[in-house]
Protein backbone atom coordinates (compact mmCIF):
# COMPACT_ATOMS: atom_id res chain seq x y z
CA MET A 1 16.55 15.97 -13.94
CA PRO A 2 15.53 19.93 -13.27
CA SER A 3 17.32 22.30 -14.84
CA HIS A 4 19.95 24.76 -13.07
CA GLY A 5 20.49 22.45 -10.29
CA ARG A 6 17.96 23.47 -8.13
CA GLY A 7 16.78 20.26 -7.56
CA LEU A 8 20.14 18.66 -6.90
CA ARG A 9 21.13 21.79 -4.87
CA ALA A 10 18.19 21.17 -2.98
CA LEU A 11 18.86 17.31 -2.55
CA ARG A 12 22.42 18.18 -1.57
CA ASN A 13 21.64 21.24 0.99
CA LEU A 14 18.61 18.81 2.50
CA ALA A 15 20.78 15.48 2.56
CA PRO A 16 21.33 14.77 6.12
CA GLU A 17 17.77 15.63 7.11
CA LEU A 18 16.56 13.40 3.74
CA ILE A 19 18.75 10.35 4.87
CA THR A 20 17.67 10.69 8.46
CA LEU A 21 13.75 10.86 7.51
CA MET A 22 14.10 8.28 5.01
CA ILE A 23 15.58 5.67 7.77
CA ALA A 24 12.72 6.60 10.32
CA SER A 25 9.94 6.22 8.00
CA ALA A 26 11.69 2.96 6.95
CA ALA A 27 12.08 1.47 10.35
CA ALA A 28 9.02 2.54 11.83
CA ILE A 29 7.09 -0.26 10.39
CA ARG A 30 8.90 -2.96 11.31
CA THR A 31 5.94 -5.69 11.12
CA SER A 32 4.74 -7.80 8.24
CA ASP A 33 2.12 -7.23 6.34
CA PRO A 34 -0.71 -10.62 5.80
CA ASP A 35 0.03 -10.27 1.99
CA LEU A 36 4.01 -10.51 2.51
CA TRP A 37 3.65 -14.20 2.12
CA GLY A 38 2.19 -14.22 -0.99
CA HIS A 39 4.19 -11.69 -2.69
CA VAL A 40 7.34 -13.10 -1.70
CA ARG A 41 6.01 -17.04 -2.92
CA PHE A 42 4.43 -15.68 -5.81
CA GLY A 43 7.52 -13.70 -6.93
CA GLN A 44 9.64 -16.97 -6.47
CA VAL A 45 7.07 -19.08 -8.32
CA MET A 46 7.42 -16.72 -11.21
CA LEU A 47 11.22 -16.74 -10.67
CA ASN A 48 11.80 -20.55 -10.90
CA ARG A 49 9.51 -21.15 -13.99
CA ARG A 50 10.66 -17.93 -15.76
CA HIS A 51 6.96 -17.13 -17.03
CA LEU A 52 3.65 -15.63 -14.97
CA VAL A 53 1.44 -17.75 -13.74
CA LEU A 54 -1.92 -16.70 -15.82
CA TYR A 55 -4.38 -19.45 -13.88
CA ASP A 56 -4.87 -20.00 -10.21
CA PRO A 57 -3.24 -23.38 -8.57
CA TYR A 58 -3.87 -22.35 -5.14
CA SER A 59 -7.30 -22.38 -4.44
CA TYR A 60 -10.35 -24.59 -4.68
CA SER A 61 -13.20 -21.90 -5.12
CA ALA A 62 -11.66 -20.12 -7.88
CA LEU A 63 -9.03 -22.89 -9.30
CA GLY A 64 -7.98 -22.75 -12.89
CA HIS A 65 -9.78 -19.03 -12.63
CA LEU A 66 -7.49 -16.09 -14.55
CA TRP A 67 -5.56 -14.23 -12.26
CA ARG A 68 -5.00 -10.82 -13.44
CA ASN A 69 -1.67 -9.82 -11.13
CA HIS A 70 -1.23 -6.21 -11.49
CA GLU A 71 1.44 -6.71 -8.59
CA TRP A 72 3.69 -9.34 -11.01
CA LEU A 73 6.81 -6.96 -11.16
CA THR A 74 6.75 -6.22 -7.74
CA GLU A 75 6.77 -9.53 -6.39
CA ILE A 76 9.84 -10.64 -8.94
CA VAL A 77 11.59 -7.72 -7.05
CA MET A 78 10.25 -8.56 -3.41
CA ALA A 79 11.61 -12.23 -4.19
CA LEU A 80 14.58 -11.44 -5.59
CA PHE A 81 15.65 -9.24 -2.38
CA TYR A 82 14.30 -11.97 -0.21
CA ASN A 83 16.02 -14.74 -2.05
CA HIS A 84 19.45 -13.32 -2.23
CA LEU A 85 19.23 -11.49 1.77
CA GLY A 86 16.57 -12.59 2.95
CA GLY A 87 14.16 -10.77 5.62
CA THR A 88 16.90 -7.98 5.66
CA GLY A 89 16.65 -7.79 1.53
CA LEU A 90 13.12 -6.59 1.95
CA LYS A 91 13.94 -3.96 4.96
CA LEU A 92 16.41 -2.53 2.40
CA TRP A 93 13.59 -2.74 -1.02
CA LYS A 94 11.31 -0.96 1.65
CA LEU A 95 14.39 1.46 2.89
CA ALA A 96 15.17 1.87 -0.96
CA CYS A 97 11.30 3.07 -1.72
CA SER A 98 10.90 5.11 1.37
CA GLY A 99 13.82 7.17 0.15
CA ALA A 100 13.07 7.68 -3.49
CA THR A 101 9.77 8.71 -2.45
CA LEU A 102 11.31 11.46 -0.11
CA GLY A 103 14.08 12.03 -2.74
CA LEU A 104 11.35 12.81 -5.57
CA LEU A 105 9.20 15.35 -2.92
CA VAL A 106 12.40 16.92 -2.30
CA LEU A 107 12.86 17.40 -5.94
CA ALA A 108 9.21 18.47 -6.45
CA MET A 109 9.28 21.12 -3.76
CA ALA A 110 12.42 22.61 -5.15
CA GLU A 111 10.32 23.68 -7.83
CA THR A 112 8.62 25.91 -6.06
CA GLY A 113 11.50 28.19 -5.10
CA ALA A 114 10.47 27.85 -1.51
CA ALA A 115 13.53 28.30 1.15
CA ARG A 116 15.31 25.52 2.26
CA ARG A 117 13.90 26.09 5.80
CA LEU A 118 10.10 25.85 4.47
CA GLN A 119 11.17 22.55 2.50
CA LEU A 120 12.57 20.82 5.52
CA VAL A 121 9.48 21.53 7.80
CA ILE A 122 6.84 20.28 5.11
CA LEU A 123 8.94 17.87 4.25
CA ILE A 124 9.15 16.44 7.72
CA ILE A 125 5.26 16.96 8.21
CA THR A 126 4.62 14.89 4.74
CA ALA A 127 7.52 11.86 6.02
CA VAL A 128 5.45 11.58 9.34
CA ALA A 129 2.15 11.59 7.69
CA ILE A 130 3.31 8.59 5.22
CA THR A 131 4.85 6.75 7.92
CA PRO A 132 1.83 4.02 9.03
CA PHE A 133 1.92 3.20 5.01
CA ILE A 134 5.73 2.49 4.62
CA GLN A 135 4.95 -1.38 4.51
CA PHE A 136 6.01 -4.33 2.88
CA ARG A 137 3.81 -4.03 0.21
CA PRO A 138 3.55 -3.29 -3.98
CA GLN A 139 2.22 -0.18 -3.18
CA LEU A 140 5.43 1.43 -1.97
CA PHE A 141 6.51 1.64 -5.85
CA SER A 142 2.84 3.59 -6.26
CA PHE A 143 4.28 6.22 -3.79
CA VAL A 144 7.54 6.64 -5.45
CA LEU A 145 6.00 6.84 -9.13
CA PHE A 146 2.93 9.32 -7.84
CA THR A 147 5.34 11.53 -6.21
CA ALA A 148 7.79 11.20 -9.47
CA LEU A 149 4.69 12.11 -11.26
CA ILE A 150 4.09 15.33 -8.98
CA ALA A 151 7.18 16.66 -9.60
CA LEU A 152 6.91 16.46 -13.11
CA LEU A 153 3.88 18.26 -12.97
CA ALA A 154 5.46 21.08 -10.58
CA ARG A 155 8.25 21.61 -12.44
CA ARG A 156 6.10 22.31 -15.52
CA THR A 157 3.54 24.30 -13.21
CA TYR A 158 6.31 26.45 -11.82
CA ARG A 159 8.52 26.57 -14.25
CA GLU A 160 6.79 25.45 -17.59
CA ALA A 161 9.59 23.36 -19.32
CA THR A 162 9.73 19.94 -18.54
CA PRO A 163 9.96 16.61 -20.07
CA LEU A 164 6.39 15.47 -20.10
CA TRP A 165 6.54 12.84 -22.37
CA MET A 166 8.18 10.70 -19.48
CA VAL A 167 4.62 10.15 -17.85
CA ILE A 168 4.34 7.83 -20.67
CA PRO A 169 7.16 5.05 -19.44
CA LEU A 170 5.93 6.06 -16.21
CA MET A 171 2.72 4.73 -16.59
CA ALA A 172 3.56 1.77 -18.58
CA LEU A 173 6.14 1.02 -15.21
CA TRP A 174 3.44 1.78 -13.00
CA ALA A 175 0.82 -0.66 -14.46
CA ASN A 176 3.21 -3.59 -14.11
CA LEU A 177 4.21 -2.83 -10.45
CA HIS A 178 0.80 -1.83 -8.43
CA GLY A 179 -2.67 -1.27 -9.67
CA GLY A 180 -2.19 2.18 -7.76
CA PHE A 181 -1.69 3.25 -11.21
CA ILE A 182 -5.10 4.24 -11.41
CA VAL A 183 -4.55 7.44 -8.84
CA GLY A 184 -1.75 8.20 -11.75
CA ILE A 185 -4.11 8.25 -14.46
CA ALA A 186 -6.94 10.07 -12.28
CA ALA A 187 -4.26 12.91 -11.42
CA LEU A 188 -3.00 13.23 -15.28
CA TRP A 189 -6.18 13.83 -16.32
CA ILE A 190 -7.47 16.40 -13.37
CA TYR A 191 -4.05 18.35 -14.43
CA ALA A 192 -4.97 18.33 -18.19
CA ALA A 193 -8.80 19.37 -17.57
CA VAL A 194 -7.97 22.49 -14.90
CA VAL A 195 -5.10 23.50 -17.52
CA CYS A 196 -8.08 23.44 -20.55
CA CYS A 197 -11.06 24.86 -18.32
CA ARG A 198 -8.12 27.87 -17.01
CA ASN A 199 -7.06 28.45 -20.83
CA ALA A 200 -10.76 28.52 -22.28
CA ILE A 201 -11.55 31.32 -19.58
CA ALA A 202 -8.76 33.19 -20.30
CA ALA A 203 -9.31 33.06 -23.76
CA ARG A 204 -5.76 31.82 -24.16
CA GLN A 205 -4.45 29.80 -27.04
CA MET A 206 -5.15 25.85 -26.45
CA GLY A 207 -1.93 24.09 -27.91
CA GLY A 208 -0.29 23.40 -24.29
CA ALA A 209 -3.72 22.36 -22.98
CA GLY A 210 -4.11 20.00 -26.06
CA ARG A 211 -0.91 18.59 -25.39
CA LEU A 212 -1.51 17.99 -22.04
CA VAL A 213 -4.67 15.92 -23.17
CA MET A 214 -2.81 14.01 -25.44
CA LEU A 215 -0.11 12.98 -22.90
CA ALA A 216 -2.70 11.98 -20.39
CA ALA A 217 -4.26 9.93 -23.29
CA ALA A 218 -0.78 8.30 -24.04
CA GLY A 219 -0.48 7.37 -20.62
CA THR A 220 -3.65 5.95 -20.00
CA LEU A 221 -3.27 3.58 -23.17
CA ALA A 222 0.48 2.81 -21.75
CA THR A 223 -1.25 1.32 -18.89
CA VAL A 224 -2.44 -1.60 -21.28
CA LEU A 225 1.53 -2.52 -22.11
CA THR A 226 1.26 -5.22 -19.26
CA PRO A 227 1.07 -9.27 -19.67
CA TYR A 228 -2.90 -8.58 -19.30
CA GLY A 229 -3.31 -6.17 -21.88
CA GLY A 230 -6.61 -4.17 -20.75
CA GLY A 231 -7.77 -6.56 -18.65
CA LEU A 232 -5.81 -4.94 -15.84
CA TRP A 233 -8.52 -2.30 -16.27
CA ILE A 234 -11.14 -5.05 -15.08
CA ALA A 235 -9.20 -6.15 -11.64
CA VAL A 236 -8.65 -2.82 -10.82
CA GLY A 237 -12.38 -1.82 -11.98
CA HIS A 238 -13.68 -4.66 -9.63
CA ALA A 239 -11.60 -3.07 -6.76
CA LEU A 240 -13.31 0.05 -6.89
CA SER A 241 -16.73 -1.09 -7.56
CA ASN A 242 -17.19 -3.83 -5.71
CA PRO A 243 -19.06 -2.81 -2.01
CA LEU A 244 -17.63 -6.00 -0.35
CA THR A 245 -13.99 -4.59 -0.50
CA ARG A 246 -14.71 -2.11 2.16
CA ALA A 247 -16.30 -5.00 4.40
CA ILE A 248 -12.93 -7.31 4.01
CA ILE A 249 -9.95 -5.21 3.44
CA ASP A 250 -9.41 -2.70 5.75
CA ASP A 251 -7.48 0.32 4.03
CA TRP A 252 -10.50 0.24 1.66
CA LYS A 253 -12.15 1.28 4.41
CA THR A 254 -13.19 4.66 5.25
CA PRO A 255 -10.96 6.00 8.16
CA PHE A 256 -13.79 6.44 10.57
CA ALA A 257 -14.62 2.63 9.91
CA PHE A 258 -10.93 1.90 10.25
CA ILE A 259 -10.19 3.21 13.26
CA ARG A 260 -13.40 1.48 14.92
CA SER A 261 -13.00 -1.73 13.10
CA GLY A 262 -12.59 -4.47 15.30
CA GLY A 263 -14.74 -2.88 17.69
CA LYS A 264 -12.21 -1.06 19.16
CA THR A 265 -11.02 2.34 18.88
CA ASN A 266 -7.25 2.65 16.99
CA TYR A 267 -6.48 5.91 18.87
CA LEU A 268 -2.80 5.47 16.96
CA TYR A 269 -4.53 5.49 13.76
CA ALA A 270 -6.94 8.12 14.50
CA PHE A 271 -3.81 10.45 15.32
CA PHE A 272 -1.94 9.66 11.68
CA CYS A 273 -5.88 10.32 10.13
CA LEU A 274 -5.75 13.90 11.83
CA TYR A 275 -2.31 14.41 11.48
CA ALA A 276 -2.82 13.72 7.49
CA TRP A 277 -5.40 16.15 7.42
CA GLY A 278 -4.04 18.49 9.42
CA LEU A 279 -1.89 19.00 5.96
CA VAL A 280 -4.99 19.31 3.78
CA GLY A 281 -6.21 21.60 5.91
CA LEU A 282 -2.67 23.77 6.01
CA LEU A 283 -3.16 23.75 2.32
CA GLY A 284 -6.26 25.64 2.74
CA ILE A 285 -4.67 27.92 5.39
CA ALA A 286 -2.25 28.77 2.96
CA LEU A 287 -4.56 28.86 -0.26
CA TYR A 288 -6.26 31.72 2.15
CA LEU A 289 -3.08 33.44 2.71
CA THR A 290 -2.05 33.68 -1.14
CA PRO A 291 -5.05 33.17 -3.15
CA SER A 292 -3.24 32.97 -5.96
CA LEU A 293 -4.26 30.84 -8.96
CA ASP A 294 -0.85 30.37 -10.87
CA ASP A 295 -0.68 26.51 -9.54
CA LEU A 296 -4.45 25.66 -9.84
CA PRO A 297 -3.86 22.63 -11.72
CA LEU A 298 -2.01 21.12 -9.51
CA VAL A 299 -3.95 22.22 -6.47
CA ALA A 300 -6.77 20.64 -8.29
CA VAL A 301 -5.04 17.25 -7.96
CA ALA A 302 -4.39 17.74 -4.17
CA ALA A 303 -7.95 18.51 -3.53
CA ILE A 304 -8.91 15.73 -5.32
CA MET A 305 -6.51 13.32 -3.66
CA SER A 306 -7.52 14.85 -0.35
CA VAL A 307 -11.24 13.86 -1.02
CA GLY A 308 -10.07 10.73 -1.46
CA SER A 309 -8.59 10.32 1.39
CA PHE A 310 -12.13 10.81 3.17
CA ILE A 311 -12.98 8.05 1.14
CA ALA A 312 -10.60 5.05 1.97
CA VAL A 313 -7.56 4.78 4.11
CA ARG A 314 -5.05 4.01 1.33
CA ASN A 315 -5.49 7.37 0.20
CA LEU A 316 -4.29 9.32 2.63
CA ALA A 317 -0.62 9.05 1.71
CA PHE A 318 -1.28 9.98 -1.63
CA ALA A 319 -3.34 13.08 -0.33
CA ALA A 320 -0.31 14.05 1.99
CA LEU A 321 2.23 13.78 -1.00
CA ALA A 322 0.11 15.92 -3.44
CA CYS A 323 -0.76 18.88 -0.99
CA SER A 324 2.62 19.35 -0.20
CA VAL A 325 4.10 20.69 -3.00
CA PRO A 326 1.48 23.33 -3.09
CA VAL A 327 1.92 23.92 0.18
CA ALA A 328 5.34 24.77 0.18
CA HIS A 329 4.28 27.36 -3.00
CA HIS A 330 1.81 29.07 -1.08
CA LEU A 331 3.46 29.49 2.23
CA ALA A 332 6.42 30.39 0.41
CA LEU A 333 4.24 33.25 -1.36
CA SER A 334 2.76 34.35 2.06
CA GLU A 335 6.60 34.95 3.64
CA ARG A 336 7.59 36.82 0.42
CA GLY A 337 5.16 39.07 1.26
CA GLY A 338 5.76 39.66 5.12
CA GLN A 339 9.41 40.08 6.42
CA PRO A 340 12.10 38.44 4.56
CA ARG A 341 13.62 35.43 7.03
CA ILE A 342 17.21 33.90 6.74
CA ASP A 343 16.97 31.10 4.60
CA GLY A 344 18.71 28.06 6.50
CA VAL A 345 18.83 25.99 9.11
CA VAL A 346 20.19 26.91 12.41
CA LEU A 347 22.22 23.26 13.14
CA SER A 348 25.54 23.31 11.38
CA LEU A 349 26.48 21.14 8.49
CA ARG A 350 28.43 19.07 10.86
CA MET A 351 25.93 18.57 13.14
CA ARG A 352 23.42 17.48 11.21
CA TRP A 353 25.33 14.82 9.72
CA GLY A 354 25.78 13.91 13.05
CA ILE A 355 22.40 13.90 13.64
CA THR A 356 22.01 11.39 10.63
CA ALA A 357 24.99 9.11 11.98
CA ILE A 358 23.35 8.45 15.08
CA ALA A 359 19.98 8.13 13.21
CA LEU A 360 21.48 5.29 11.10
CA MET A 361 22.74 3.66 13.88
CA VAL A 362 19.54 3.67 15.91
CA ALA A 363 17.78 2.07 13.23
CA LEU A 364 20.33 -0.59 12.31
CA PHE A 365 20.48 -1.69 16.04
CA ARG A 366 17.04 -0.44 17.79
CA GLY A 367 15.28 -0.48 14.48
CA GLY A 368 15.48 -3.69 13.32
CA LEU A 369 17.37 -3.08 9.73
CA ALA A 370 20.35 -4.91 10.89
CA SER A 371 18.54 -8.13 11.29
CA GLY A 372 16.68 -10.60 9.09
CA LEU A 373 13.46 -11.03 11.37
CA ILE A 374 10.38 -9.29 10.40
CA PRO A 375 8.19 -9.47 13.31
CA VAL A 376 4.53 -10.73 12.75
CA ASP A 377 1.61 -7.94 12.72
CA GLU A 378 -1.18 -10.20 14.10
CA SER A 379 -1.73 -13.11 15.22
CA TYR A 380 -1.13 -16.09 12.57
CA PRO A 381 -2.25 -19.46 12.63
CA SER A 382 1.28 -21.19 13.18
CA GLY A 383 -0.32 -23.53 15.92
CA PRO A 384 -2.56 -25.08 13.47
CA VAL A 385 -0.15 -25.26 10.50
CA GLN A 386 2.26 -26.82 12.85
CA PHE A 387 -0.48 -29.33 13.84
CA MET A 388 -1.33 -30.17 10.49
CA LYS A 389 2.09 -31.07 9.39
CA ALA A 390 3.23 -32.74 12.50
CA ASN A 391 0.04 -35.39 11.50
CA GLY A 392 0.23 -35.36 7.49
CA LEU A 393 -3.16 -33.41 7.15
CA HIS A 394 -3.94 -31.80 4.20
CA GLY A 395 -6.82 -30.75 2.02
CA ASN A 396 -9.14 -27.77 1.48
CA VAL A 397 -9.05 -24.80 3.89
CA LEU A 398 -11.40 -22.55 4.19
CA CYS A 399 -9.69 -19.68 6.55
CA ASN A 400 -9.85 -16.54 7.61
CA PHE A 401 -9.16 -13.97 4.64
CA GLY A 402 -6.12 -12.46 6.26
CA TRP A 403 -4.60 -16.06 6.73
CA GLY A 404 -4.73 -17.43 3.26
CA GLU A 405 -1.73 -16.20 1.75
CA TYR A 406 0.09 -17.64 5.06
CA LEU A 407 -1.35 -20.91 4.77
CA ILE A 408 0.08 -20.66 1.02
CA TRP A 409 3.23 -20.17 1.94
CA HIS A 410 3.33 -23.01 4.35
CA LEU A 411 0.58 -25.68 2.89
CA ALA A 412 0.64 -25.44 -0.50
CA PRO A 413 0.34 -27.44 -2.99
CA GLN A 414 -0.95 -30.00 -0.89
CA SER A 415 -3.59 -28.03 0.79
CA ARG A 416 -5.76 -25.08 -1.27
CA VAL A 417 -7.64 -22.52 -0.01
CA PHE A 418 -11.02 -20.85 -0.13
CA ILE A 419 -9.96 -17.31 -0.47
CA ASP A 420 -6.82 -14.99 0.41
CA GLY A 421 -5.66 -11.25 0.09
CA ARG A 422 -5.40 -11.54 -4.36
CA TYR A 423 -9.16 -10.95 -3.71
CA ASP A 424 -10.79 -9.48 -6.75
CA THR A 425 -7.56 -10.28 -9.11
CA VAL A 426 -8.70 -14.02 -9.05
CA TYR A 427 -12.01 -14.73 -7.02
CA PRO A 428 -15.54 -14.19 -8.37
CA SER A 429 -17.99 -12.16 -6.98
CA LYS A 430 -19.93 -15.19 -5.83
CA VAL A 431 -17.09 -16.72 -3.90
CA ILE A 432 -16.34 -13.41 -2.23
CA GLN A 433 -20.02 -13.02 -1.45
CA ASP A 434 -19.94 -16.25 0.08
CA TYR A 435 -17.29 -15.62 2.04
CA VAL A 436 -18.33 -12.90 3.50
CA LYS A 437 -21.73 -14.84 4.78
CA VAL A 438 -19.64 -17.11 6.73
CA HIS A 439 -17.46 -14.36 7.99
CA PHE A 440 -19.84 -12.38 9.65
CA GLY A 441 -22.33 -15.55 10.11
CA ILE A 442 -25.47 -14.03 7.84
CA PRO A 443 -27.71 -15.89 6.39
CA GLY A 444 -26.61 -18.29 3.90
CA ALA A 445 -23.73 -19.49 5.80
CA LYS A 446 -24.55 -23.24 6.24
CA ARG A 447 -25.45 -23.49 2.41
CA VAL A 448 -21.77 -22.21 2.21
CA LEU A 449 -20.22 -24.74 4.42
CA LYS A 450 -22.21 -27.70 2.41
CA SER A 451 -21.83 -26.22 -1.10
CA TYR A 452 -18.50 -26.12 -1.19
CA PRO A 453 -15.25 -29.28 -0.64
CA HIS A 454 -14.01 -27.88 2.09
CA ASP A 455 -11.80 -30.51 4.48
CA PHE A 456 -11.09 -28.06 7.38
CA ILE A 457 -11.98 -24.51 8.56
CA LEU A 458 -10.09 -22.17 10.17
CA PHE A 459 -10.85 -19.05 11.98
CA PRO A 460 -9.93 -17.06 14.94
CA ALA A 461 -10.67 -19.06 17.88
CA GLN A 462 -13.21 -16.36 18.98
CA SER A 463 -14.68 -15.32 15.99
CA VAL A 464 -18.27 -15.67 14.53
CA PRO A 465 -17.58 -18.99 12.53
CA SER A 466 -15.23 -20.71 15.03
CA LEU A 467 -18.46 -20.04 17.76
CA SER A 468 -21.01 -21.37 15.66
CA LEU A 469 -18.92 -24.39 14.37
CA LYS A 470 -18.76 -25.85 17.99
CA ALA A 471 -22.27 -26.89 18.28
CA SER A 472 -22.17 -27.92 14.53
CA PRO A 473 -22.97 -31.98 14.00
CA ASP A 474 -20.81 -31.85 10.39
CA TRP A 475 -17.73 -30.35 12.05
CA LYS A 476 -15.29 -31.18 14.94
CA LEU A 477 -12.70 -28.98 16.25
CA VAL A 478 -9.30 -30.62 16.49
CA TYR A 479 -6.83 -28.32 17.42
CA LYS A 480 -7.30 -25.08 19.29
CA ASP A 481 -5.08 -22.09 20.88
CA ASN A 482 -5.63 -18.60 21.91
CA ALA A 483 -5.46 -17.59 18.01
CA ALA A 484 -7.19 -20.00 16.11
CA ALA A 485 -9.47 -22.94 16.16
CA LEU A 486 -9.50 -25.80 13.31
CA PHE A 487 -12.37 -27.86 12.72
CA ALA A 488 -12.16 -30.90 10.50
CA ARG A 489 -15.40 -32.74 8.90
CA ARG A 490 -16.95 -34.98 11.60
CA ASN A 491 -16.61 -38.07 9.29
CA SER A 492 -13.14 -37.52 8.35
CA ALA A 493 -9.80 -39.04 9.68
CA ALA A 494 -9.07 -35.65 11.10
CA ALA A 495 -11.45 -35.76 13.31
CA ARG A 496 -10.54 -38.94 14.95
CA LEU A 497 -7.50 -37.07 16.66
CA HIS A 498 -8.24 -36.02 20.10
CA PRO A 499 -8.45 -31.80 20.35
CA ILE A 500 -4.74 -30.73 22.08
CA ALA A 501 -3.53 -27.69 23.41
CA GLU A 502 -6.67 -26.02 24.32
CA ASN A 503 -5.16 -23.31 26.08
CA ALA A 504 -1.83 -23.46 24.41
CA ARG A 505 -0.27 -20.09 23.67
CA PRO A 506 1.53 -20.20 20.12
CA ALA A 507 4.96 -19.03 19.94
CA ALA A 508 6.11 -15.64 18.94
CA ALA A 509 6.40 -15.83 14.99
CA TYR A 510 8.58 -13.77 12.49
CA PHE A 511 8.14 -14.23 8.73
CA PRO A 512 7.84 -16.61 7.37
């Protein structure tokens, strides 16, 4: 907790706006994520068994393979919320993470001594920038802990005294919640390296820099305090180095590729990408106006995070959070160099709390926080799943990557999947490569269909695999609607069923 009450005063002064932004950002994205079914189910299984599931029981392509689940603790948290409060519990969990992220950002900006009005403006800008990423996903904890780390580094940068030893338990906790801990490790080492270089150039004593290096090393070592030990780094390393990751998983794509994914331009995400980069540009302008090097280590962290935002969509939120604090500092320096302005907000405190109450009611009743229903974010194969259950069909299903955990929720353990969103944490590279061949219809796809014991193939109705299988002598269409097509081996019992609902539109679905 910041000394002299500076951070507490900032939280108290900005409380109405903070609560309003927290509610708005948490309620903006109300739809499910493709992996939500898996996160909750895996957490439920761990709670029921009272131990981790170390070897995969859900696939037939990697059955019994070591499962390095870097999100295991988050999945337990999500399962607890869902078991006790249903969909409303998951929404409250998302709201809590959103609030913690923005609250910690207020604490971090308070260290700069910037005017409350300036802090509020930057808080609003940052909240809007990260809103698309406030989803039902374990990475919410990465945003919380990354902002906590930035707050610690900001206090050390602007006021020197800070309990930086806290990064050690922080990194240990982070490593058990989400694989995004690698971002925290990078920030720690960047900060320590820049402090060392600056002290060496200025011929300063290296005592403080040496302690930073030791803390960065200790924080790195703390990430092995997981059930998987150093093996967790293997899973993270695979995700970072595997070129196929960016071909399959949307938020690992570059922003430019993501905006054009699916053959259509996503103008909404194009806006948010440009908006987040606007915050990066604002940092450049602020540095130009006040070229002070007093917070160079923190600026370096923001710069590297900004570079990362051009490499993968998932890094945009980290860039926005990292840039906000040095932006507040340098704009405050620029403002002090000009004419002083009143530190305040035009609206009275009573009016601000009134606006907050209205925002709360809107979020509860129009934003969906009061409802336990979580709408799906895209088309899911609810029709084929109902068809399989109604006809007693089960077996090995080669399905669309994003549908894997939906099928695990609804069809396991009677049926297993070829691949799902757990990706590098379970599946060997060969399985991933084989899936890509089928998904994109590239050479080798026919071999993959013959070399694994598939019983069913389930893909979007107009996808490359579905269109090619219509002419296959080995597979027969047994169910089709506007969202999905289900094929069975031609010599199977399922193939003797007549195709049904050829043009049916499956009912609108909610999680689960």
